[in-house]
N, C-alpha and C. Protein backbone atom coordinates (compact mmCIF):
# COMPACT_ATOMS: atom_id res chain seq x y z
N UNK A 1 0.84 -1.23 -0.03
CA UNK A 1 0.02 -0.28 0.21
C UNK A 1 0.88 1.30 0.15
N UNK A 2 0.27 2.18 -0.83
CA UNK A 2 1.28 3.50 -0.62
C UNK A 2 0.14 4.31 -1.26
N UNK A 3 0.21 5.48 -0.21
CA UNK A 3 -0.51 7.07 -0.39
C UNK A 3 0.13 7.83 -0.22
N UNK A 4 -0.23 8.56 -1.53
CA UNK A 4 0.70 9.88 -1.48
C UNK A 4 0.24 10.79 -0.77
N UNK A 5 0.73 11.66 -0.03
CA UNK A 5 0.17 12.96 0.44
C UNK A 5 0.75 14.21 -0.18
N UNK A 6 1.97 13.56 -0.84
CA UNK A 6 2.39 15.56 -1.40
C UNK A 6 1.48 15.55 -2.81
N UNK A 7 1.30 16.55 -2.79
CA UNK A 7 0.85 16.92 -4.20
C UNK A 7 0.89 16.13 -5.66
N UNK A 8 0.70 15.94 -6.44
CA UNK A 8 1.83 14.69 -7.11
C UNK A 8 1.89 15.27 -8.87
N UNK A 9 1.49 16.75 -8.41
CA UNK A 9 2.07 17.05 -10.02
C UNK A 9 3.51 18.15 -9.17
N UNK A 10 4.14 17.80 -7.77
CA UNK A 10 5.40 17.72 -7.62
C UNK A 10 6.39 17.18 -7.02
N UNK A 11 5.56 15.28 -7.75
CA UNK A 11 7.08 14.19 -7.42
C UNK A 11 6.92 14.36 -8.81
N UNK A 12 8.21 13.94 -9.57
CA UNK A 12 8.74 13.56 -10.34
C UNK A 12 8.28 11.93 -10.47
N UNK A 13 7.41 11.58 -11.57
CA UNK A 13 7.28 10.16 -12.07
C UNK A 13 7.02 9.80 -12.81
N UNK A 14 7.51 8.64 -13.63
CA UNK A 14 7.63 7.94 -15.51
C UNK A 14 7.42 6.71 -15.15
N UNK A 15 6.69 6.58 -16.22
CA UNK A 15 6.56 4.88 -16.77
C UNK A 15 8.00 4.30 -17.00
N UNK A 16 7.95 2.90 -16.75
CA UNK A 16 9.23 2.63 -16.95
C UNK A 16 8.33 1.07 -17.34
N UNK A 17 9.39 0.72 -18.61
CA UNK A 17 9.02 -0.70 -19.18
C UNK A 17 9.07 -2.60 -17.99
N UNK A 18 8.83 -2.80 -17.76
CA UNK A 18 9.21 -3.91 -17.12
C UNK A 18 8.76 -5.07 -17.42
N UNK A 19 9.68 -5.87 -17.35
CA UNK A 19 10.04 -7.93 -17.42
C UNK A 19 8.84 -8.55 -17.23
N UNK A 20 8.47 -9.22 -17.90
CA UNK A 20 7.34 -10.01 -17.49
C UNK A 20 7.73 -10.94 -15.84
N UNK A 21 8.93 -11.25 -15.93
CA UNK A 21 9.43 -11.95 -14.76
C UNK A 21 9.49 -11.67 -13.54
N UNK A 22 9.50 -9.83 -13.95
CA UNK A 22 9.67 -8.87 -12.09
C UNK A 22 8.39 -8.72 -12.01
N UNK A 23 7.29 -8.95 -13.03
CA UNK A 23 6.02 -8.36 -12.33
C UNK A 23 5.11 -8.69 -11.47
N UNK A 24 5.07 -9.98 -10.86
CA UNK A 24 5.46 -10.45 -9.74
C UNK A 24 5.76 -9.80 -8.41
N UNK A 25 6.65 -9.10 -8.57
CA UNK A 25 7.28 -8.38 -7.49
C UNK A 25 6.77 -6.98 -7.48
N UNK A 26 5.89 -6.01 -8.50
CA UNK A 26 5.43 -5.27 -8.77
C UNK A 26 4.33 -4.93 -7.19
N UNK A 27 4.64 -4.70 -6.53
CA UNK A 27 4.10 -4.46 -5.28
C UNK A 27 3.77 -3.15 -4.95
N UNK A 28 3.16 -1.93 -5.05
CA UNK A 28 3.04 -0.42 -4.58
C UNK A 28 3.27 -0.80 -3.39
N UNK A 29 4.31 0.73 -3.73
CA UNK A 29 4.90 0.92 -1.75
C UNK A 29 6.15 0.54 -1.98
N UNK A 30 6.58 -0.76 -2.34
CA UNK A 30 8.07 -1.14 -2.25
C UNK A 30 9.70 -0.35 -3.50
N UNK A 31 10.28 -0.82 -3.08
CA UNK A 31 11.41 -0.11 -4.21
C UNK A 31 11.87 -1.32 -5.07
N UNK A 32 12.26 -0.14 -6.86
CA UNK A 32 12.89 -1.11 -7.48
C UNK A 32 14.40 -0.53 -7.62
N UNK A 33 14.95 -1.25 -7.84
CA UNK A 33 16.49 -0.42 -8.71
C UNK A 33 17.27 -1.04 -10.08
N UNK A 34 18.19 -0.81 -10.12
CA UNK A 34 18.80 -1.61 -11.40
C UNK A 34 19.38 -2.36 -11.35
N UNK A 35 20.04 -3.44 -12.19
CA UNK A 35 20.59 -4.71 -11.30
C UNK A 35 21.64 -4.22 -13.37
N UNK A 36 23.02 -5.21 -12.91
CA UNK A 36 24.23 -5.09 -13.66
C UNK A 36 23.57 -4.68 -14.81
N UNK A 37 22.86 -5.04 -15.51
CA UNK A 37 22.45 -5.51 -16.70
C UNK A 37 21.40 -3.91 -17.37
N UNK A 38 20.92 -3.32 -16.46
CA UNK A 38 20.04 -2.16 -16.33
C UNK A 38 18.97 -2.05 -16.42
N UNK A 39 18.79 -3.81 -16.19
CA UNK A 39 16.98 -3.95 -15.97
C UNK A 39 16.49 -3.63 -14.83
N UNK A 40 15.86 -2.99 -14.38
CA UNK A 40 14.88 -2.75 -13.19
C UNK A 40 14.19 -4.21 -12.95
N UNK A 41 14.39 -4.32 -11.90
CA UNK A 41 14.27 -5.52 -10.30
C UNK A 41 14.09 -5.14 -9.50
N UNK A 42 13.08 -5.85 -8.29
CA UNK A 42 13.16 -5.77 -6.51
C UNK A 42 14.50 -5.60 -6.30
N UNK A 43 14.59 -4.37 -5.38
CA UNK A 43 15.84 -4.43 -4.36
C UNK A 43 16.30 -5.87 -3.53
N UNK A 44 17.26 -5.69 -4.27
CA UNK A 44 18.21 -6.85 -3.64
C UNK A 44 19.92 -6.97 -3.00
N UNK A 45 20.25 -7.36 -2.25
CA UNK A 45 21.85 -7.29 -2.52
C UNK A 45 22.35 -7.21 -3.21
N UNK A 46 22.29 -9.03 -4.41
CA UNK A 46 22.78 -9.31 -5.85
C UNK A 46 22.92 -8.09 -6.59
N UNK A 47 21.71 -7.22 -6.62
CA UNK A 47 21.40 -6.29 -7.83
C UNK A 47 22.81 -5.16 -7.66
N UNK A 48 23.63 -4.54 -6.14
CA UNK A 48 23.96 -4.02 -6.45
C UNK A 48 25.67 -4.59 -6.39
N UNK A 49 26.09 -3.78 -7.31
CA UNK A 49 27.62 -4.62 -7.85
C UNK A 49 28.34 -2.93 -7.73
N UNK A 50 29.68 -3.48 -6.90
CA UNK A 50 30.68 -2.38 -6.68
C UNK A 50 30.51 -1.27 -5.87
N UNK A 51 29.75 -1.30 -4.94
CA UNK A 51 29.56 -0.62 -3.55
C UNK A 51 29.03 0.96 -4.00
N UNK A 52 28.14 0.60 -4.83
CA UNK A 52 27.47 2.50 -5.67
C UNK A 52 26.38 2.65 -4.60
N UNK A 53 26.51 4.01 -4.20
CA UNK A 53 25.23 4.69 -3.73
C UNK A 53 23.67 3.73 -4.42
N UNK A 54 23.38 3.05 -4.06
CA UNK A 54 22.45 2.53 -4.49
C UNK A 54 21.52 2.67 -4.30
N UNK A 55 20.66 3.68 -2.87
CA UNK A 55 20.03 4.13 -2.91
C UNK A 55 19.92 5.69 -3.39
N UNK A 56 20.92 5.59 -4.35
CA UNK A 56 20.39 7.12 -5.41
C UNK A 56 19.54 6.54 -6.46
N UNK A 57 20.15 4.94 -6.95
CA UNK A 57 19.07 4.41 -7.79
C UNK A 57 18.01 3.53 -8.14
N UNK A 58 17.32 3.84 -6.64
CA UNK A 58 16.28 3.07 -6.56
C UNK A 58 14.85 3.87 -6.19
N UNK A 59 13.85 3.57 -6.97
CA UNK A 59 12.65 3.86 -6.90
C UNK A 59 11.11 3.06 -5.97
N UNK A 60 10.50 3.76 -5.62
CA UNK A 60 9.46 3.41 -5.31
C UNK A 60 8.16 3.45 -6.23
N UNK A 61 7.91 1.67 -5.66
CA UNK A 61 6.48 1.53 -7.21
C UNK A 61 5.13 2.14 -6.48
N UNK A 62 4.02 3.11 -7.64
CA UNK A 62 3.00 3.37 -7.23
C UNK A 62 1.57 3.24 -7.92
N UNK A 63 1.89 1.70 -8.82
CA UNK A 63 0.92 0.68 -9.28
C UNK A 63 1.24 -0.34 -9.02
N UNK A 64 0.09 -0.88 -9.11
CA UNK A 64 -0.16 -2.32 -8.89
C UNK A 64 0.06 -3.48 -10.05
N UNK A 65 0.41 -4.53 -10.09
CA UNK A 65 0.10 -5.88 -11.09
C UNK A 65 -1.20 -6.75 -11.04
N UNK A 66 -1.92 -5.93 -9.52
CA UNK A 66 -3.02 -6.87 -9.63
C UNK A 66 -4.28 -5.80 -9.57
N UNK A 67 -4.94 -5.24 -10.68
CA UNK A 67 -5.41 -4.17 -10.41
C UNK A 67 -7.16 -4.79 -9.36
N UNK A 68 -7.46 -6.09 -10.44
CA UNK A 68 -8.93 -6.96 -9.77
C UNK A 68 -8.65 -6.64 -8.01
N UNK A 69 -7.98 -6.15 -7.38
CA UNK A 69 -7.71 -6.71 -6.05
C UNK A 69 -8.33 -5.61 -5.37
N UNK A 70 -9.05 -5.56 -4.04
CA UNK A 70 -9.45 -4.67 -3.58
C UNK A 70 -8.31 -3.82 -3.16
N UNK A 71 -8.67 -2.89 -2.66
CA UNK A 71 -7.14 -1.39 -2.29
C UNK A 71 -6.40 -1.17 -3.66
N UNK A 72 -7.04 -1.50 -4.66
CA UNK A 72 -5.36 -1.40 -5.64
C UNK A 72 -5.68 -1.08 -6.88
N UNK A 73 -5.68 -0.31 -7.61
CA UNK A 73 -5.91 0.48 -8.62
C UNK A 73 -5.56 0.02 -10.11
N UNK A 74 -5.93 0.91 -11.06
CA UNK A 74 -4.89 0.79 -12.61
C UNK A 74 -3.91 2.05 -12.68
N UNK A 75 -3.24 2.12 -13.80
CA UNK A 75 -3.08 0.95 -13.87
C UNK A 75 -2.81 -0.67 -13.95
N UNK A 76 -3.03 -1.37 -14.88
CA UNK A 76 -2.27 -2.74 -14.11
C UNK A 76 -1.17 -3.51 -14.41
N UNK A 77 -0.18 -3.46 -14.22
CA UNK A 77 1.24 -3.52 -14.67
C UNK A 77 1.43 -5.00 -15.56
N UNK A 78 0.46 -5.62 -15.39
CA UNK A 78 0.09 -6.74 -15.99
C UNK A 78 -0.25 -6.59 -17.32
N UNK A 79 -1.23 -5.41 -17.84
CA UNK A 79 -2.04 -5.13 -18.82
C UNK A 79 -1.15 -4.02 -19.45
N UNK A 80 -0.52 -3.56 -18.99
CA UNK A 80 0.04 -2.28 -19.95
C UNK A 80 1.66 -2.62 -19.91
N UNK A 81 2.67 -3.76 -19.22
CA UNK A 81 3.96 -3.57 -19.10
C UNK A 81 4.81 -2.86 -18.75
N UNK A 82 3.63 -1.73 -18.12
CA UNK A 82 4.98 -0.34 -17.34
C UNK A 82 4.40 -0.45 -16.17
N UNK A 83 5.36 -0.02 -15.25
CA UNK A 83 5.06 0.63 -14.19
C UNK A 83 5.53 2.04 -13.56
N UNK A 84 4.73 2.29 -12.98
CA UNK A 84 5.10 4.22 -12.70
C UNK A 84 6.01 3.88 -11.30
N UNK A 85 7.69 4.51 -11.34
CA UNK A 85 8.03 4.86 -10.41
C UNK A 85 8.17 6.65 -9.79
N UNK A 86 8.49 6.48 -8.83
CA UNK A 86 8.98 8.33 -7.95
C UNK A 86 9.81 8.43 -7.55
N UNK A 87 10.49 9.71 -7.99
CA UNK A 87 11.76 10.48 -7.56
C UNK A 87 11.76 11.54 -7.57
N UNK A 88 12.18 11.82 -5.80
CA UNK A 88 12.07 13.29 -5.42
C UNK A 88 11.60 13.35 -3.89
N UNK A 89 11.52 14.35 -3.66
CA UNK A 89 11.20 14.27 -2.27
C UNK A 89 9.45 14.49 -1.86
N UNK A 90 9.02 13.91 -1.34
CA UNK A 90 7.54 13.42 -1.32
C UNK A 90 7.03 12.99 0.57
N UNK A 91 6.20 13.43 0.92
CA UNK A 91 4.81 12.91 1.93
C UNK A 91 3.91 11.81 1.16
N UNK A 92 4.43 10.47 2.43
CA UNK A 92 3.72 8.97 1.24
C UNK A 92 3.28 8.49 3.16
N UNK A 93 2.40 7.83 2.89
CA UNK A 93 1.93 6.68 4.08
C UNK A 93 2.44 4.68 3.00
N UNK A 94 2.43 3.83 3.97
CA UNK A 94 3.16 2.76 3.23
C UNK A 94 2.49 1.72 4.45
N UNK A 95 2.16 0.79 3.68
CA UNK A 95 2.49 -0.57 4.63
C UNK A 95 3.89 -1.56 4.75
N UNK A 96 4.78 -1.20 3.75
CA UNK A 96 5.41 -1.85 3.28
C UNK A 96 6.72 -1.60 3.88
N UNK A 97 7.14 -1.88 5.24
CA UNK A 97 8.44 -1.62 6.01
C UNK A 97 8.46 -2.73 6.86
N UNK A 98 9.87 -2.88 7.20
CA UNK A 98 10.42 -3.92 8.44
C UNK A 98 10.96 -2.95 9.52
N UNK A 99 10.63 -3.86 10.73
CA UNK A 99 11.04 -3.24 11.69
C UNK A 99 10.01 -2.98 12.88
N UNK A 100 10.46 -2.29 13.47
CA UNK A 100 9.29 -1.92 14.94
C UNK A 100 9.52 0.07 14.90
N UNK A 101 8.27 0.61 14.05
CA UNK A 101 8.32 2.02 13.65
C UNK A 101 8.58 3.06 14.96
N UNK A 102 9.75 4.19 15.00
CA UNK A 102 9.25 4.90 15.64
C UNK A 102 9.29 6.45 15.27
N UNK A 103 8.76 7.68 15.60
CA UNK A 103 8.82 8.81 15.26
C UNK A 103 10.06 8.70 15.32
N UNK A 104 10.30 9.74 13.98
CA UNK A 104 11.94 10.17 13.34
C UNK A 104 12.72 9.53 13.17
N UNK A 105 12.37 8.38 12.74
CA UNK A 105 13.72 7.07 12.67
C UNK A 105 13.76 7.24 11.32
N UNK A 106 14.98 6.75 10.81
CA UNK A 106 15.64 6.98 10.02
C UNK A 106 15.21 5.93 8.95
N UNK A 107 15.03 5.60 7.42
CA UNK A 107 14.77 4.62 7.15
C UNK A 107 15.52 3.96 5.97
N UNK A 108 15.96 3.45 5.48
CA UNK A 108 17.08 2.55 4.25
C UNK A 108 15.77 1.70 3.65
N UNK A 109 16.11 1.46 2.49
CA UNK A 109 16.00 0.05 1.57
C UNK A 109 16.14 -1.15 1.79
N UNK A 110 15.32 -2.12 2.59
CA UNK A 110 15.80 -3.31 3.07
C UNK A 110 16.08 -4.50 1.81
N UNK A 111 17.58 -5.04 2.03
CA UNK A 111 17.97 -6.08 1.01
C UNK A 111 17.81 -7.56 1.73
N UNK A 112 16.87 -7.82 2.56
CA UNK A 112 16.95 -9.35 3.22
C UNK A 112 15.93 -10.03 2.19
N UNK A 113 16.57 -11.32 2.25
CA UNK A 113 15.76 -12.31 1.98
C UNK A 113 14.30 -12.19 2.30
N UNK A 114 13.03 -12.06 1.86
CA UNK A 114 12.22 -12.37 2.30
C UNK A 114 11.19 -10.80 2.20
N UNK A 115 11.98 -9.87 2.57
CA UNK A 115 11.48 -8.22 3.16
C UNK A 115 12.37 -7.20 1.65
N UNK A 116 12.96 -8.06 1.22
CA UNK A 116 13.69 -6.93 -0.03
C UNK A 116 12.59 -5.94 -0.60
N UNK A 117 13.22 -4.92 -0.86
CA UNK A 117 12.45 -3.45 -1.66
C UNK A 117 11.56 -2.71 -0.85
N UNK A 118 11.34 -3.56 0.70
CA UNK A 118 10.85 -2.47 1.87
C UNK A 118 11.68 -1.99 2.52
N UNK A 119 10.54 -0.80 3.00
CA UNK A 119 11.97 0.36 3.75
C UNK A 119 11.93 -0.53 5.65
N UNK A 120 13.40 0.02 5.43
CA UNK A 120 13.71 -1.09 6.60
C UNK A 120 13.66 0.41 7.76
N UNK A 121 13.74 0.06 8.95
CA UNK A 121 13.99 1.32 10.33
C UNK A 121 14.77 1.34 11.09
N UNK A 122 15.83 2.19 10.88
CA UNK A 122 17.21 2.75 11.41
C UNK A 122 16.24 3.25 12.93
N UNK A 123 16.27 2.45 13.72
CA UNK A 123 15.51 3.09 15.33
C UNK A 123 16.25 3.57 16.05
N UNK A 124 16.41 5.00 16.68
CA UNK A 124 17.30 5.49 17.54
C UNK A 124 17.77 4.67 18.40
N UNK A 125 19.26 4.93 18.78
CA UNK A 125 20.02 3.61 19.77
C UNK A 125 20.22 2.18 19.62
N UNK A 126 19.60 1.84 18.45
CA UNK A 126 19.93 0.76 17.23
C UNK A 126 20.90 0.89 16.61
N UNK A 127 21.36 2.17 15.66
CA UNK A 127 22.57 2.26 15.19
C UNK A 127 23.03 1.34 14.29
N UNK A 128 23.59 0.77 15.69
CA UNK A 128 25.14 -0.67 15.83
C UNK A 128 24.61 -1.62 14.69
N UNK A 129 23.34 -2.01 14.82
CA UNK A 129 22.80 -3.39 14.26
C UNK A 129 22.34 -2.73 12.52
N UNK A 130 22.45 -1.55 11.83
CA UNK A 130 22.58 -0.95 10.77
C UNK A 130 24.06 -0.96 9.95
N UNK A 131 23.58 -1.81 8.81
CA UNK A 131 24.94 -1.93 8.35
C UNK A 131 25.59 -0.07 7.85
N UNK A 132 26.66 -0.10 7.83
CA UNK A 132 27.15 1.40 7.68
C UNK A 132 26.74 2.22 6.27
N UNK A 133 26.67 1.23 5.45
CA UNK A 133 26.50 1.65 4.15
C UNK A 133 24.90 2.59 3.95
N UNK A 134 24.38 1.66 4.77
CA UNK A 134 22.91 2.23 4.77
C UNK A 134 22.55 3.54 5.16
N UNK A 135 23.31 3.40 6.40
CA UNK A 135 23.52 4.82 7.09
C UNK A 135 23.85 5.74 6.02
N UNK A 136 24.57 5.24 5.47
CA UNK A 136 24.83 6.97 4.47
C UNK A 136 23.69 7.25 3.54
N UNK A 137 23.08 6.62 3.87
CA UNK A 137 22.44 6.46 2.46
C UNK A 137 20.42 6.09 3.31
N UNK A 138 20.72 6.93 4.08
CA UNK A 138 18.91 6.84 4.45
C UNK A 138 18.07 8.09 3.40
N UNK A 139 16.97 6.99 2.76
CA UNK A 139 15.87 7.82 2.35
C UNK A 139 14.93 8.53 2.85
N UNK A 140 14.76 8.66 3.78
CA UNK A 140 13.48 9.15 4.74
C UNK A 140 13.65 8.87 5.98
N UNK A 141 12.59 10.02 6.57
CA UNK A 141 12.61 9.77 8.32
C UNK A 141 10.94 9.39 8.42
N UNK A 142 10.53 8.80 9.47
CA UNK A 142 9.48 8.80 9.87
C UNK A 142 8.94 9.89 11.02
N UNK A 143 7.28 10.47 10.11
CA UNK A 143 6.99 11.54 10.93
C UNK A 143 5.91 11.30 11.54
N UNK A 144 5.16 10.12 11.30
CA UNK A 144 4.11 9.97 11.60
C UNK A 144 3.79 7.92 11.61
N UNK A 145 3.07 7.42 12.58
CA UNK A 145 2.76 6.21 12.34
C UNK A 145 0.99 5.66 12.96
N UNK A 146 0.39 4.94 12.71
CA UNK A 146 -0.95 4.89 12.34
C UNK A 146 -1.33 3.01 12.61
N UNK A 147 -2.22 2.78 13.76
CA UNK A 147 -2.21 1.70 13.51
C UNK A 147 -4.10 1.01 13.10
N UNK A 148 -4.16 0.00 12.43
CA UNK A 148 -5.73 0.17 12.12
C UNK A 148 -5.86 1.20 11.24
N UNK A 149 -5.22 1.20 9.88
CA UNK A 149 -5.34 2.11 9.64
C UNK A 149 -5.82 1.85 7.86
N UNK A 150 -6.81 2.36 7.56
CA UNK A 150 -7.98 2.20 6.73
C UNK A 150 -7.82 3.03 5.34
N UNK A 151 -7.67 2.22 4.10
CA UNK A 151 -7.40 3.14 3.10
C UNK A 151 -8.21 2.28 1.24
N UNK A 152 -8.78 2.95 0.69
CA UNK A 152 -9.03 2.15 0.10
C UNK A 152 -10.13 0.35 0.31
N UNK A 153 -10.85 0.85 1.32
CA UNK A 153 -11.30 -0.11 1.58
C UNK A 153 -10.61 -1.29 2.06
N UNK A 154 -9.10 -1.41 2.60
CA UNK A 154 -8.86 -2.37 3.45
C UNK A 154 -7.84 -1.74 4.56
N UNK A 155 -7.85 -2.47 5.51
CA UNK A 155 -7.58 -2.18 6.71
C UNK A 155 -6.06 -2.83 6.83
N UNK A 156 -5.20 -1.47 7.59
CA UNK A 156 -3.71 -2.16 7.46
C UNK A 156 -3.60 -2.20 9.23
N UNK A 157 -2.90 -3.06 9.45
CA UNK A 157 -2.39 -2.76 10.99
C UNK A 157 -2.20 -2.27 11.46
N UNK A 158 -0.74 -2.12 10.54
CA UNK A 158 0.08 -0.42 10.99
C UNK A 158 0.94 0.48 9.77
N UNK A 159 0.74 1.61 9.50
CA UNK A 159 1.30 2.15 8.60
C UNK A 159 2.08 3.25 9.14
N UNK A 160 3.30 3.82 8.42
CA UNK A 160 3.89 4.70 8.98
C UNK A 160 3.54 6.08 7.87
N UNK A 161 3.82 6.90 8.14
CA UNK A 161 3.93 8.36 7.27
C UNK A 161 5.23 8.54 7.16
N UNK A 162 6.13 8.74 6.04
CA UNK A 162 7.23 9.80 6.36
C UNK A 162 7.47 10.97 5.01
N UNK A 163 8.57 11.34 5.27
CA UNK A 163 8.99 12.08 3.82
C UNK A 163 10.55 11.64 3.42
N UNK A 164 10.16 11.89 2.33
CA UNK A 164 11.38 11.21 1.81
C UNK A 164 12.41 12.76 1.62
N UNK A 165 13.93 12.21 1.46
CA UNK A 165 15.41 13.15 1.57
C UNK A 165 15.30 13.60 0.16
N UNK A 166 14.44 13.02 -1.06
CA UNK A 166 15.00 13.73 -2.39
C UNK A 166 14.86 13.51 -2.97
N UNK A 167 16.11 12.27 -2.84
CA UNK A 167 17.02 11.41 -3.58
C UNK A 167 16.36 11.03 -4.83
């Protein structure tokens, strides 16, 4: 789930072609990056080569692969073969995160198997457990936390409101 709170006219966004093998990973609110061949893939550690500041080359997905499911909307990635990715500074809410949310906590993009592509939380006082490379590339901060949040007729147990840094 991704609910944009900023004026959509002020957010850089573009449609990007997606390969059929990647479509299953196109979950709204997760992040994609370029792999070594230049193809857009879900963020995962093997996609990053040479120690690049890869958070600068990751973008959040703003549409779904299954438009017929409650809480989702068109255009359907499967139908058009493209998805919309976002770039720049914006405010939003999402349920696509890992960790325990805390007000003001920094966010980076998780690369762990099973949670890759979600926002991961850098909890204040727990920075030692966060890889140094990710600390350098925080992509935003939590500015709100809500429980039992309903968006498009779907209730989410916990969502975070955050502001990106504009990378």
